[in-house]
Amino acid sequence: MSTKKRDAILAALISADLADFTHAGDGLLSHLKGTGLCHSIYGTESYRKSPLSVFERDLVKELIGEKAERFVYYFGCHIKDSL
């Protein structure tokens, strides 16, 4: 995705006041900027390719914060049938 397109999407989300919507104990915009953008960083059951290893969790925590990283980690570990 180009930087221009990403910035346009982010501007649209900001103008929609997503920061006022609560999601996963945080504002939806914060969630999307952290967890959402990295939700498959460790791979998932259906997305086997993992850009980063779970051994790099500290790096992801530095990038998106501890709480968001925890959601990302659990998302990557869960089995769909368990939901």
PDB file of N, CA and C in Angstrom:
ATOM      1  N   MET A   1       0.852  -1.169   0.000  1.00  0.00           N
ATOM      2  CA  MET A   1       0.000   0.000   0.000  1.00  0.00           C
ATOM      3  C   MET A   1       0.896   1.229   0.000  1.00  0.00           C
ATOM      4  N   SER A   2       0.555   2.182  -0.809  1.00  0.00           N
ATOM      5  CA  SER A   2       1.359   3.399  -0.871  1.00  0.00           C
ATOM      6  C   SER A   2       1.129   4.262   0.368  1.00  0.00           C
ATOM      7  N   THR A   3       2.111   5.096   0.656  1.00  0.00           N
ATOM      8  CA  THR A   3       1.988   6.012   1.795  1.00  0.00           C
ATOM      9  C   THR A   3       0.809   6.951   1.595  1.00  0.00           C
ATOM     10  N   LYS A   4       0.608   7.403   0.368  1.00  0.00           N
ATOM     11  CA  LYS A   4      -0.503   8.317   0.069  1.00  0.00           C
ATOM     12  C   LYS A   4      -1.846   7.650   0.367  1.00  0.00           C
ATOM     13  N   LYS A   5      -1.989   6.404  -0.067  1.00  0.00           N
ATOM     14  CA  LYS A   5      -3.239   5.687   0.187  1.00  0.00           C
ATOM     15  C   LYS A   5      -3.429   5.433   1.673  1.00  0.00           C
ATOM     16  N   ARG A   6      -2.354   5.013   2.357  1.00  0.00           N
ATOM     17  CA  ARG A   6      -2.444   4.775   3.801  1.00  0.00           C
ATOM     18  C   ARG A   6      -2.858   6.045   4.533  1.00  0.00           C
ATOM     19  N   ASP A   7      -2.262   7.182   4.151  1.00  0.00           N
ATOM     20  CA  ASP A   7      -2.598   8.449   4.794  1.00  0.00           C
ATOM     21  C   ASP A   7      -4.047   8.849   4.532  1.00  0.00           C
ATOM     22  N   ALA A   8      -4.540   8.556   3.329  1.00  0.00           N
ATOM     23  CA  ALA A   8      -5.930   8.861   3.000  1.00  0.00           C
ATOM     24  C   ALA A   8      -6.884   8.008   3.839  1.00  0.00           C
ATOM     25  N   ILE A   9      -6.548   6.741   3.995  1.00  0.00           N
ATOM     26  CA  ILE A   9      -7.383   5.849   4.813  1.00  0.00           C
ATOM     27  C   ILE A   9      -7.371   6.315   6.261  1.00  0.00           C
ATOM     28  N   LEU A  10      -6.193   6.636   6.764  1.00  0.00           N
ATOM     29  CA  LEU A  10      -6.084   7.101   8.151  1.00  0.00           C
ATOM     30  C   LEU A  10      -6.865   8.393   8.356  1.00  0.00           C
ATOM     31  N   ALA A  11      -6.789   9.322   7.414  1.00  0.00           N
ATOM     32  CA  ALA A  11      -7.541  10.577   7.507  1.00  0.00           C
ATOM     33  C   ALA A  11      -9.042  10.312   7.532  1.00  0.00           C
ATOM     34  N   ALA A  12      -9.500   9.365   6.723  1.00  0.00           N
ATOM     35  CA  ALA A  12     -10.928   9.028   6.704  1.00  0.00           C
ATOM     36  C   ALA A  12     -11.360   8.425   8.035  1.00  0.00           C
ATOM     37  N   LEU A  13     -10.524   7.570   8.607  1.00  0.00           N
ATOM     38  CA  LEU A  13     -10.855   6.971   9.900  1.00  0.00           C
ATOM     39  C   LEU A  13     -10.889   8.019  11.000  1.00  0.00           C
ATOM     40  N   ILE A  14      -9.947   8.947  10.965  1.00  0.00           N
ATOM     41  CA  ILE A  14      -9.924  10.021  11.960  1.00  0.00           C
ATOM     42  C   ILE A  14     -11.161  10.889  11.828  1.00  0.00           C
ATOM     43  N   SER A  15     -11.544  11.218  10.600  1.00  0.00           N
ATOM     44  CA  SER A  15     -12.714  12.081  10.400  1.00  0.00           C
ATOM     45  C   SER A  15     -14.007  11.385  10.801  1.00  0.00           C
ATOM     46  N   ALA A  16     -13.986  10.058  10.852  1.00  0.00           N
ATOM     47  CA  ALA A  16     -15.166   9.304  11.278  1.00  0.00           C
ATOM     48  C   ALA A  16     -15.253   9.202  12.796  1.00  0.00           C
ATOM     49  N   ASP A  17     -14.339   9.886  13.492  1.00  0.00           N
ATOM     50  CA  ASP A  17     -14.318   9.900  14.967  1.00  0.00           C
ATOM     51  C   ASP A  17     -14.208   8.502  15.569  1.00  0.00           C
ATOM     52  N   LEU A  18     -13.402   7.651  14.952  1.00  0.00           N
ATOM     53  CA  LEU A  18     -13.250   6.293  15.472  1.00  0.00           C
ATOM     54  C   LEU A  18     -12.594   6.256  16.839  1.00  0.00           C
ATOM     55  N   ALA A  19     -11.905   7.316  17.206  1.00  0.00           N
ATOM     56  CA  ALA A  19     -11.297   7.356  18.535  1.00  0.00           C
ATOM     57  C   ALA A  19     -12.367   7.312  19.624  1.00  0.00           C
ATOM     58  N   ASP A  20     -13.599   7.728  19.261  1.00  0.00           N
ATOM     59  CA  ASP A  20     -14.689   7.739  20.234  1.00  0.00           C
ATOM     60  C   ASP A  20     -15.360   6.373  20.391  1.00  0.00           C
ATOM     61  N   PHE A  21     -15.095   5.454  19.481  1.00  0.00           N
ATOM     62  CA  PHE A  21     -15.672   4.114  19.558  1.00  0.00           C
ATOM     63  C   PHE A  21     -14.758   3.223  20.380  1.00  0.00           C
ATOM     64  N   THR A  22     -15.323   2.525  21.338  1.00  0.00           N
ATOM     65  CA  THR A  22     -14.537   1.627  22.168  1.00  0.00           C
ATOM     66  C   THR A  22     -14.465   0.256  21.513  1.00  0.00           C
ATOM     67  N   HIS A  23     -13.248  -0.290  21.508  1.00  0.00           N
ATOM     68  CA  HIS A  23     -13.046  -1.631  20.959  1.00  0.00           C
ATOM     69  C   HIS A  23     -11.888  -2.262  21.708  1.00  0.00           C
ATOM     70  N   ALA A  24     -12.118  -3.427  22.256  1.00  0.00           N
ATOM     71  CA  ALA A  24     -11.080  -4.163  22.991  1.00  0.00           C
ATOM     72  C   ALA A  24     -10.490  -3.314  24.113  1.00  0.00           C
ATOM     73  N   GLY A  25     -11.345  -2.530  24.774  1.00  0.00           N
ATOM     74  CA  GLY A  25     -10.895  -1.738  25.917  1.00  0.00           C
ATOM     75  C   GLY A  25     -10.125  -0.484  25.554  1.00  0.00           C
ATOM     76  N   ASP A  26     -10.157  -0.120  24.288  1.00  0.00           N
ATOM     77  CA  ASP A  26      -9.403   1.047  23.823  1.00  0.00           C
ATOM     78  C   ASP A  26     -10.247   1.736  22.757  1.00  0.00           C
ATOM     79  N   GLY A  27      -9.801   2.880  22.269  1.00  0.00           N
ATOM     80  CA  GLY A  27     -10.475   3.507  21.146  1.00  0.00           C
ATOM     81  C   GLY A  27     -10.248   2.664  19.894  1.00  0.00           C
ATOM     82  N   LEU A  28     -11.253   2.578  19.039  1.00  0.00           N
ATOM     83  CA  LEU A  28     -11.148   1.762  17.833  1.00  0.00           C
ATOM     84  C   LEU A  28      -9.987   2.212  16.952  1.00  0.00           C
ATOM     85  N   LEU A  29      -9.783   3.515  16.839  1.00  0.00           N
ATOM     86  CA  LEU A  29      -8.685   4.002  16.004  1.00  0.00           C
ATOM     87  C   LEU A  29      -7.340   3.561  16.565  1.00  0.00           C
ATOM     88  N   SER A  30      -7.151   3.658  17.858  1.00  0.00           N
ATOM     89  CA  SER A  30      -5.905   3.193  18.466  1.00  0.00           C
ATOM     90  C   SER A  30      -5.724   1.701  18.233  1.00  0.00           C
ATOM     91  N   HIS A  31      -6.818   0.969  18.351  1.00  0.00           N
ATOM     92  CA  HIS A  31      -6.770  -0.478  18.125  1.00  0.00           C
ATOM     93  C   HIS A  31      -6.341  -0.781  16.691  1.00  0.00           C
ATOM     94  N   LEU A  32      -6.948  -0.094  15.736  1.00  0.00           N
ATOM     95  CA  LEU A  32      -6.611  -0.337  14.338  1.00  0.00           C
ATOM     96  C   LEU A  32      -5.176   0.058  14.011  1.00  0.00           C
ATOM     97  N   LYS A  33      -4.725   1.144  14.605  1.00  0.00           N
ATOM     98  CA  LYS A  33      -3.361   1.598  14.337  1.00  0.00           C
ATOM     99  C   LYS A  33      -2.337   0.666  14.961  1.00  0.00           C
ATOM    100  N   GLY A  34      -2.690   0.010  16.028  1.00  0.00           N
ATOM    101  CA  GLY A  34      -1.765  -0.905  16.682  1.00  0.00           C
ATOM    102  C   GLY A  34      -2.066  -2.340  16.311  1.00  0.00           C
ATOM    103  N   THR A  35      -3.046  -2.896  16.970  1.00  0.00           N
ATOM    104  CA  THR A  35      -3.390  -4.293  16.764  1.00  0.00           C
ATOM    105  C   THR A  35      -3.819  -4.574  15.336  1.00  0.00           C
ATOM    106  N   GLY A  36      -4.695  -3.742  14.810  1.00  0.00           N
ATOM    107  CA  GLY A  36      -5.236  -3.995  13.479  1.00  0.00           C
ATOM    108  C   GLY A  36      -4.198  -4.104  12.394  1.00  0.00           C
ATOM    109  N   LEU A  37      -3.250  -3.205  12.393  1.00  0.00           N
ATOM    110  CA  LEU A  37      -2.232  -3.226  11.352  1.00  0.00           C
ATOM    111  C   LEU A  37      -1.274  -4.393  11.505  1.00  0.00           C
ATOM    112  N   CYS A  38      -1.164  -4.929  12.682  1.00  0.00           N
ATOM    113  CA  CYS A  38      -0.205  -6.008  12.943  1.00  0.00           C
ATOM    114  C   CYS A  38      -0.889  -7.325  13.309  1.00  0.00           C
ATOM    115  N   HIS A  39      -2.183  -7.436  13.067  1.00  0.00           N
ATOM    116  CA  HIS A  39      -2.928  -8.567  13.622  1.00  0.00           C
ATOM    117  C   HIS A  39      -2.411  -9.934  13.188  1.00  0.00           C
ATOM    118  N   SER A  40      -1.754 -10.041  12.051  1.00  0.00           N
ATOM    119  CA  SER A  40      -1.235 -11.344  11.616  1.00  0.00           C
ATOM    120  C   SER A  40       0.290 -11.383  11.588  1.00  0.00           C
ATOM    121  N   ILE A  41       0.925 -10.538  12.363  1.00  0.00           N
ATOM    122  CA  ILE A  41       2.382 -10.408  12.320  1.00  0.00           C
ATOM    123  C   ILE A  41       3.087 -11.715  12.688  1.00  0.00           C
ATOM    124  N   TYR A  42       2.459 -12.536  13.533  1.00  0.00           N
ATOM    125  CA  TYR A  42       3.043 -13.825  13.914  1.00  0.00           C
ATOM    126  C   TYR A  42       2.463 -14.975  13.096  1.00  0.00           C
ATOM    127  N   GLY A  43       1.620 -14.665  12.126  1.00  0.00           N
ATOM    128  CA  GLY A  43       0.919 -15.688  11.372  1.00  0.00           C
ATOM    129  C   GLY A  43      -0.338 -16.113  12.121  1.00  0.00           C
ATOM    130  N   THR A  44      -1.200 -16.830  11.440  1.00  0.00           N
ATOM    131  CA  THR A  44      -2.426 -17.333  12.058  1.00  0.00           C
ATOM    132  C   THR A  44      -2.670 -18.751  11.556  1.00  0.00           C
ATOM    133  N   GLU A  45      -3.736 -19.333  12.028  1.00  0.00           N
ATOM    134  CA  GLU A  45      -4.107 -20.675  11.595  1.00  0.00           C
ATOM    135  C   GLU A  45      -4.285 -20.723  10.072  1.00  0.00           C
ATOM    136  N   SER A  46      -4.894 -19.691   9.500  1.00  0.00           N
ATOM    137  CA  SER A  46      -5.127 -19.691   8.062  1.00  0.00           C
ATOM    138  C   SER A  46      -4.071 -18.909   7.278  1.00  0.00           C
ATOM    139  N   TYR A  47      -3.267 -18.117   7.958  1.00  0.00           N
ATOM    140  CA  TYR A  47      -2.185 -17.364   7.318  1.00  0.00           C
ATOM    141  C   TYR A  47      -0.877 -17.869   7.915  1.00  0.00           C
ATOM    142  N   ARG A  48      -0.367 -18.926   7.365  1.00  0.00           N
ATOM    143  CA  ARG A  48       0.783 -19.631   7.944  1.00  0.00           C
ATOM    144  C   ARG A  48       2.091 -18.852   7.859  1.00  0.00           C
ATOM    145  N   LYS A  49       2.183 -17.930   6.920  1.00  0.00           N
ATOM    146  CA  LYS A  49       3.405 -17.146   6.778  1.00  0.00           C
ATOM    147  C   LYS A  49       3.481 -16.166   7.943  1.00  0.00           C
ATOM    148  N   SER A  50       4.575 -16.179   8.667  1.00  0.00           N
ATOM    149  CA  SER A  50       4.693 -15.246   9.787  1.00  0.00           C
ATOM    150  C   SER A  50       5.849 -14.284   9.543  1.00  0.00           C
ATOM    151  N   PRO A  51       5.515 -13.017   9.324  1.00  0.00           N
ATOM    152  CA  PRO A  51       6.545 -12.013   9.096  1.00  0.00           C
ATOM    153  C   PRO A  51       7.541 -11.907  10.250  1.00  0.00           C
ATOM    154  N   LEU A  52       7.056 -12.083  11.467  1.00  0.00           N
ATOM    155  CA  LEU A  52       7.935 -12.064  12.636  1.00  0.00           C
ATOM    156  C   LEU A  52       7.671 -13.304  13.474  1.00  0.00           C
ATOM    157  N   SER A  53       8.694 -13.742  14.159  1.00  0.00           N
ATOM    158  CA  SER A  53       8.594 -14.889  15.048  1.00  0.00           C
ATOM    159  C   SER A  53       8.071 -14.430  16.416  1.00  0.00           C
ATOM    160  N   VAL A  54       7.433 -15.341  17.130  1.00  0.00           N
ATOM    161  CA  VAL A  54       6.993 -15.015  18.487  1.00  0.00           C
ATOM    162  C   VAL A  54       8.189 -14.717  19.389  1.00  0.00           C
ATOM    163  N   PHE A  55       9.381 -15.078  18.953  1.00  0.00           N
ATOM    164  CA  PHE A  55      10.581 -14.745  19.712  1.00  0.00           C
ATOM    165  C   PHE A  55      10.940 -13.269  19.574  1.00  0.00           C
ATOM    166  N   GLU A  56      10.211 -12.566  18.708  1.00  0.00           N
ATOM    167  CA  GLU A  56      10.433 -11.126  18.515  1.00  0.00           C
ATOM    168  C   GLU A  56       9.317 -10.290  19.134  1.00  0.00           C
ATOM    169  N   ARG A  57       8.651 -10.841  20.125  1.00  0.00           N
ATOM    170  CA  ARG A  57       7.535 -10.149  20.762  1.00  0.00           C
ATOM    171  C   ARG A  57       7.951  -8.814  21.367  1.00  0.00           C
ATOM    172  N   ASP A  58       9.154  -8.746  21.924  1.00  0.00           N
ATOM    173  CA  ASP A  58       9.602  -7.484  22.527  1.00  0.00           C
ATOM    174  C   ASP A  58       9.670  -6.368  21.493  1.00  0.00           C
ATOM    175  N   LEU A  59      10.090  -6.686  20.286  1.00  0.00           N
ATOM    176  CA  LEU A  59      10.140  -5.693  19.220  1.00  0.00           C
ATOM    177  C   LEU A  59       8.738  -5.199  18.888  1.00  0.00           C
ATOM    178  N   VAL A  60       7.793  -6.115  18.770  1.00  0.00           N
ATOM    179  CA  VAL A  60       6.418  -5.731  18.458  1.00  0.00           C
ATOM    180  C   VAL A  60       5.830  -4.903  19.598  1.00  0.00           C
ATOM    181  N   LYS A  61       6.143  -5.250  20.844  1.00  0.00           N
ATOM    182  CA  LYS A  61       5.674  -4.472  21.995  1.00  0.00           C
ATOM    183  C   LYS A  61       6.184  -3.044  21.914  1.00  0.00           C
ATOM    184  N   GLU A  62       7.440  -2.877  21.520  1.00  0.00           N
ATOM    185  CA  GLU A  62       8.004  -1.528  21.371  1.00  0.00           C
ATOM    186  C   GLU A  62       7.271  -0.744  20.293  1.00  0.00           C
ATOM    187  N   LEU A  63       6.862  -1.425  19.234  1.00  0.00           N
ATOM    188  CA  LEU A  63       6.218  -0.750  18.108  1.00  0.00           C
ATOM    189  C   LEU A  63       4.771  -0.376  18.377  1.00  0.00           C
ATOM    190  N   ILE A  64       4.007  -1.288  18.981  1.00  0.00           N
ATOM    191  CA  ILE A  64       2.565  -1.042  19.114  1.00  0.00           C
ATOM    192  C   ILE A  64       2.066  -1.006  20.549  1.00  0.00           C
ATOM    193  N   GLY A  65       2.935  -1.284  21.504  1.00  0.00           N
ATOM    194  CA  GLY A  65       2.537  -1.276  22.901  1.00  0.00           C
ATOM    195  C   GLY A  65       2.242  -2.677  23.409  1.00  0.00           C
ATOM    196  N   GLU A  66       2.382  -2.846  24.722  1.00  0.00           N
ATOM    197  CA  GLU A  66       2.252  -4.166  25.337  1.00  0.00           C
ATOM    198  C   GLU A  66       0.846  -4.748  25.196  1.00  0.00           C
ATOM    199  N   LYS A  67      -0.169  -3.911  25.428  1.00  0.00           N
ATOM    200  CA  LYS A  67      -1.554  -4.388  25.377  1.00  0.00           C
ATOM    201  C   LYS A  67      -1.930  -4.829  23.954  1.00  0.00           C
ATOM    202  N   ALA A  68      -1.590  -4.013  22.964  1.00  0.00           N
ATOM    203  CA  ALA A  68      -1.898  -4.354  21.575  1.00  0.00           C
ATOM    204  C   ALA A  68      -1.146  -5.612  21.158  1.00  0.00           C
ATOM    205  N   GLU A  69       0.101  -5.733  21.579  1.00  0.00           N
ATOM    206  CA  GLU A  69       0.884  -6.919  21.223  1.00  0.00           C
ATOM    207  C   GLU A  69       0.257  -8.175  21.799  1.00  0.00           C
ATOM    208  N   ARG A  70      -0.280  -8.079  22.999  1.00  0.00           N
ATOM    209  CA  ARG A  70      -0.918  -9.241  23.618  1.00  0.00           C
ATOM    210  C   ARG A  70      -2.106  -9.707  22.776  1.00  0.00           C
ATOM    211  N   PHE A  71      -2.922  -8.764  22.290  1.00  0.00           N
ATOM    212  CA  PHE A  71      -4.044  -9.119  21.414  1.00  0.00           C
ATOM    213  C   PHE A  71      -3.537  -9.780  20.130  1.00  0.00           C
ATOM    214  N   VAL A  72      -2.484  -9.215  19.548  1.00  0.00           N
ATOM    215  CA  VAL A  72      -1.902  -9.760  18.323  1.00  0.00           C
ATOM    216  C   VAL A  72      -1.398 -11.187  18.562  1.00  0.00           C
ATOM    217  N   TYR A  73      -0.725 -11.380  19.674  1.00  0.00           N
ATOM    218  CA  TYR A  73      -0.195 -12.712  20.017  1.00  0.00           C
ATOM    219  C   TYR A  73      -1.335 -13.725  20.149  1.00  0.00           C
ATOM    220  N   TYR A  74      -2.371 -13.374  20.912  1.00  0.00           N
ATOM    221  CA  TYR A  74      -3.494 -14.292  21.102  1.00  0.00           C
ATOM    222  C   TYR A  74      -4.224 -14.556  19.785  1.00  0.00           C
ATOM    223  N   PHE A  75      -4.348 -13.514  18.958  1.00  0.00           N
ATOM    224  CA  PHE A  75      -5.007 -13.687  17.672  1.00  0.00           C
ATOM    225  C   PHE A  75      -4.254 -14.708  16.823  1.00  0.00           C
ATOM    226  N   GLY A  76      -2.935 -14.636  16.847  1.00  0.00           N
ATOM    227  CA  GLY A  76      -2.129 -15.558  16.078  1.00  0.00           C
ATOM    228  C   GLY A  76      -2.162 -16.976  16.620  1.00  0.00           C
ATOM    229  N   CYS A  77      -2.380 -17.119  17.918  1.00  0.00           N
ATOM    230  CA  CYS A  77      -2.360 -18.441  18.561  1.00  0.00           C
ATOM    231  C   CYS A  77      -3.700 -19.156  18.542  1.00  0.00           C
ATOM    232  N   HIS A  78      -4.787 -18.426  18.404  1.00  0.00           N
ATOM    233  CA  HIS A  78      -6.103 -19.057  18.560  1.00  0.00           C
ATOM    234  C   HIS A  78      -6.420 -19.996  17.400  1.00  0.00           C
ATOM    235  N   ILE A  79      -7.294 -20.932  17.687  1.00  0.00           N
ATOM    236  CA  ILE A  79      -7.811 -21.855  16.673  1.00  0.00           C
ATOM    237  C   ILE A  79      -9.242 -21.415  16.383  1.00  0.00           C
ATOM    238  N   LYS A  80      -9.558 -21.202  15.128  1.00  0.00           N
ATOM    239  CA  LYS A  80     -10.868 -20.642  14.770  1.00  0.00           C
ATOM    240  C   LYS A  80     -12.037 -21.391  15.394  1.00  0.00           C
ATOM    241  N   ASP A  81     -11.973 -22.700  15.410  1.00  0.00           N
ATOM    242  CA  ASP A  81     -13.078 -23.486  15.976  1.00  0.00           C
ATOM    243  C   ASP A  81     -13.270 -23.224  17.464  1.00  0.00           C
ATOM    244  N   SER A  82     -12.269 -22.658  18.131  1.00  0.00           N
ATOM    245  CA  SER A  82     -12.382 -22.398  19.562  1.00  0.00           C
ATOM    246  C   SER A  82     -13.206 -21.134  19.840  1.00  0.00           C
ATOM    247  N   LEU A  83     -13.465 -20.361  18.804  1.00  0.00           N
ATOM    248  CA  LEU A  83     -14.221 -19.115  19.016  1.00  0.00           C
ATOM    249  C   LEU A  83     -15.665 -19.362  18.944  1.00  0.00           C
TER     250      LEU A  83
END
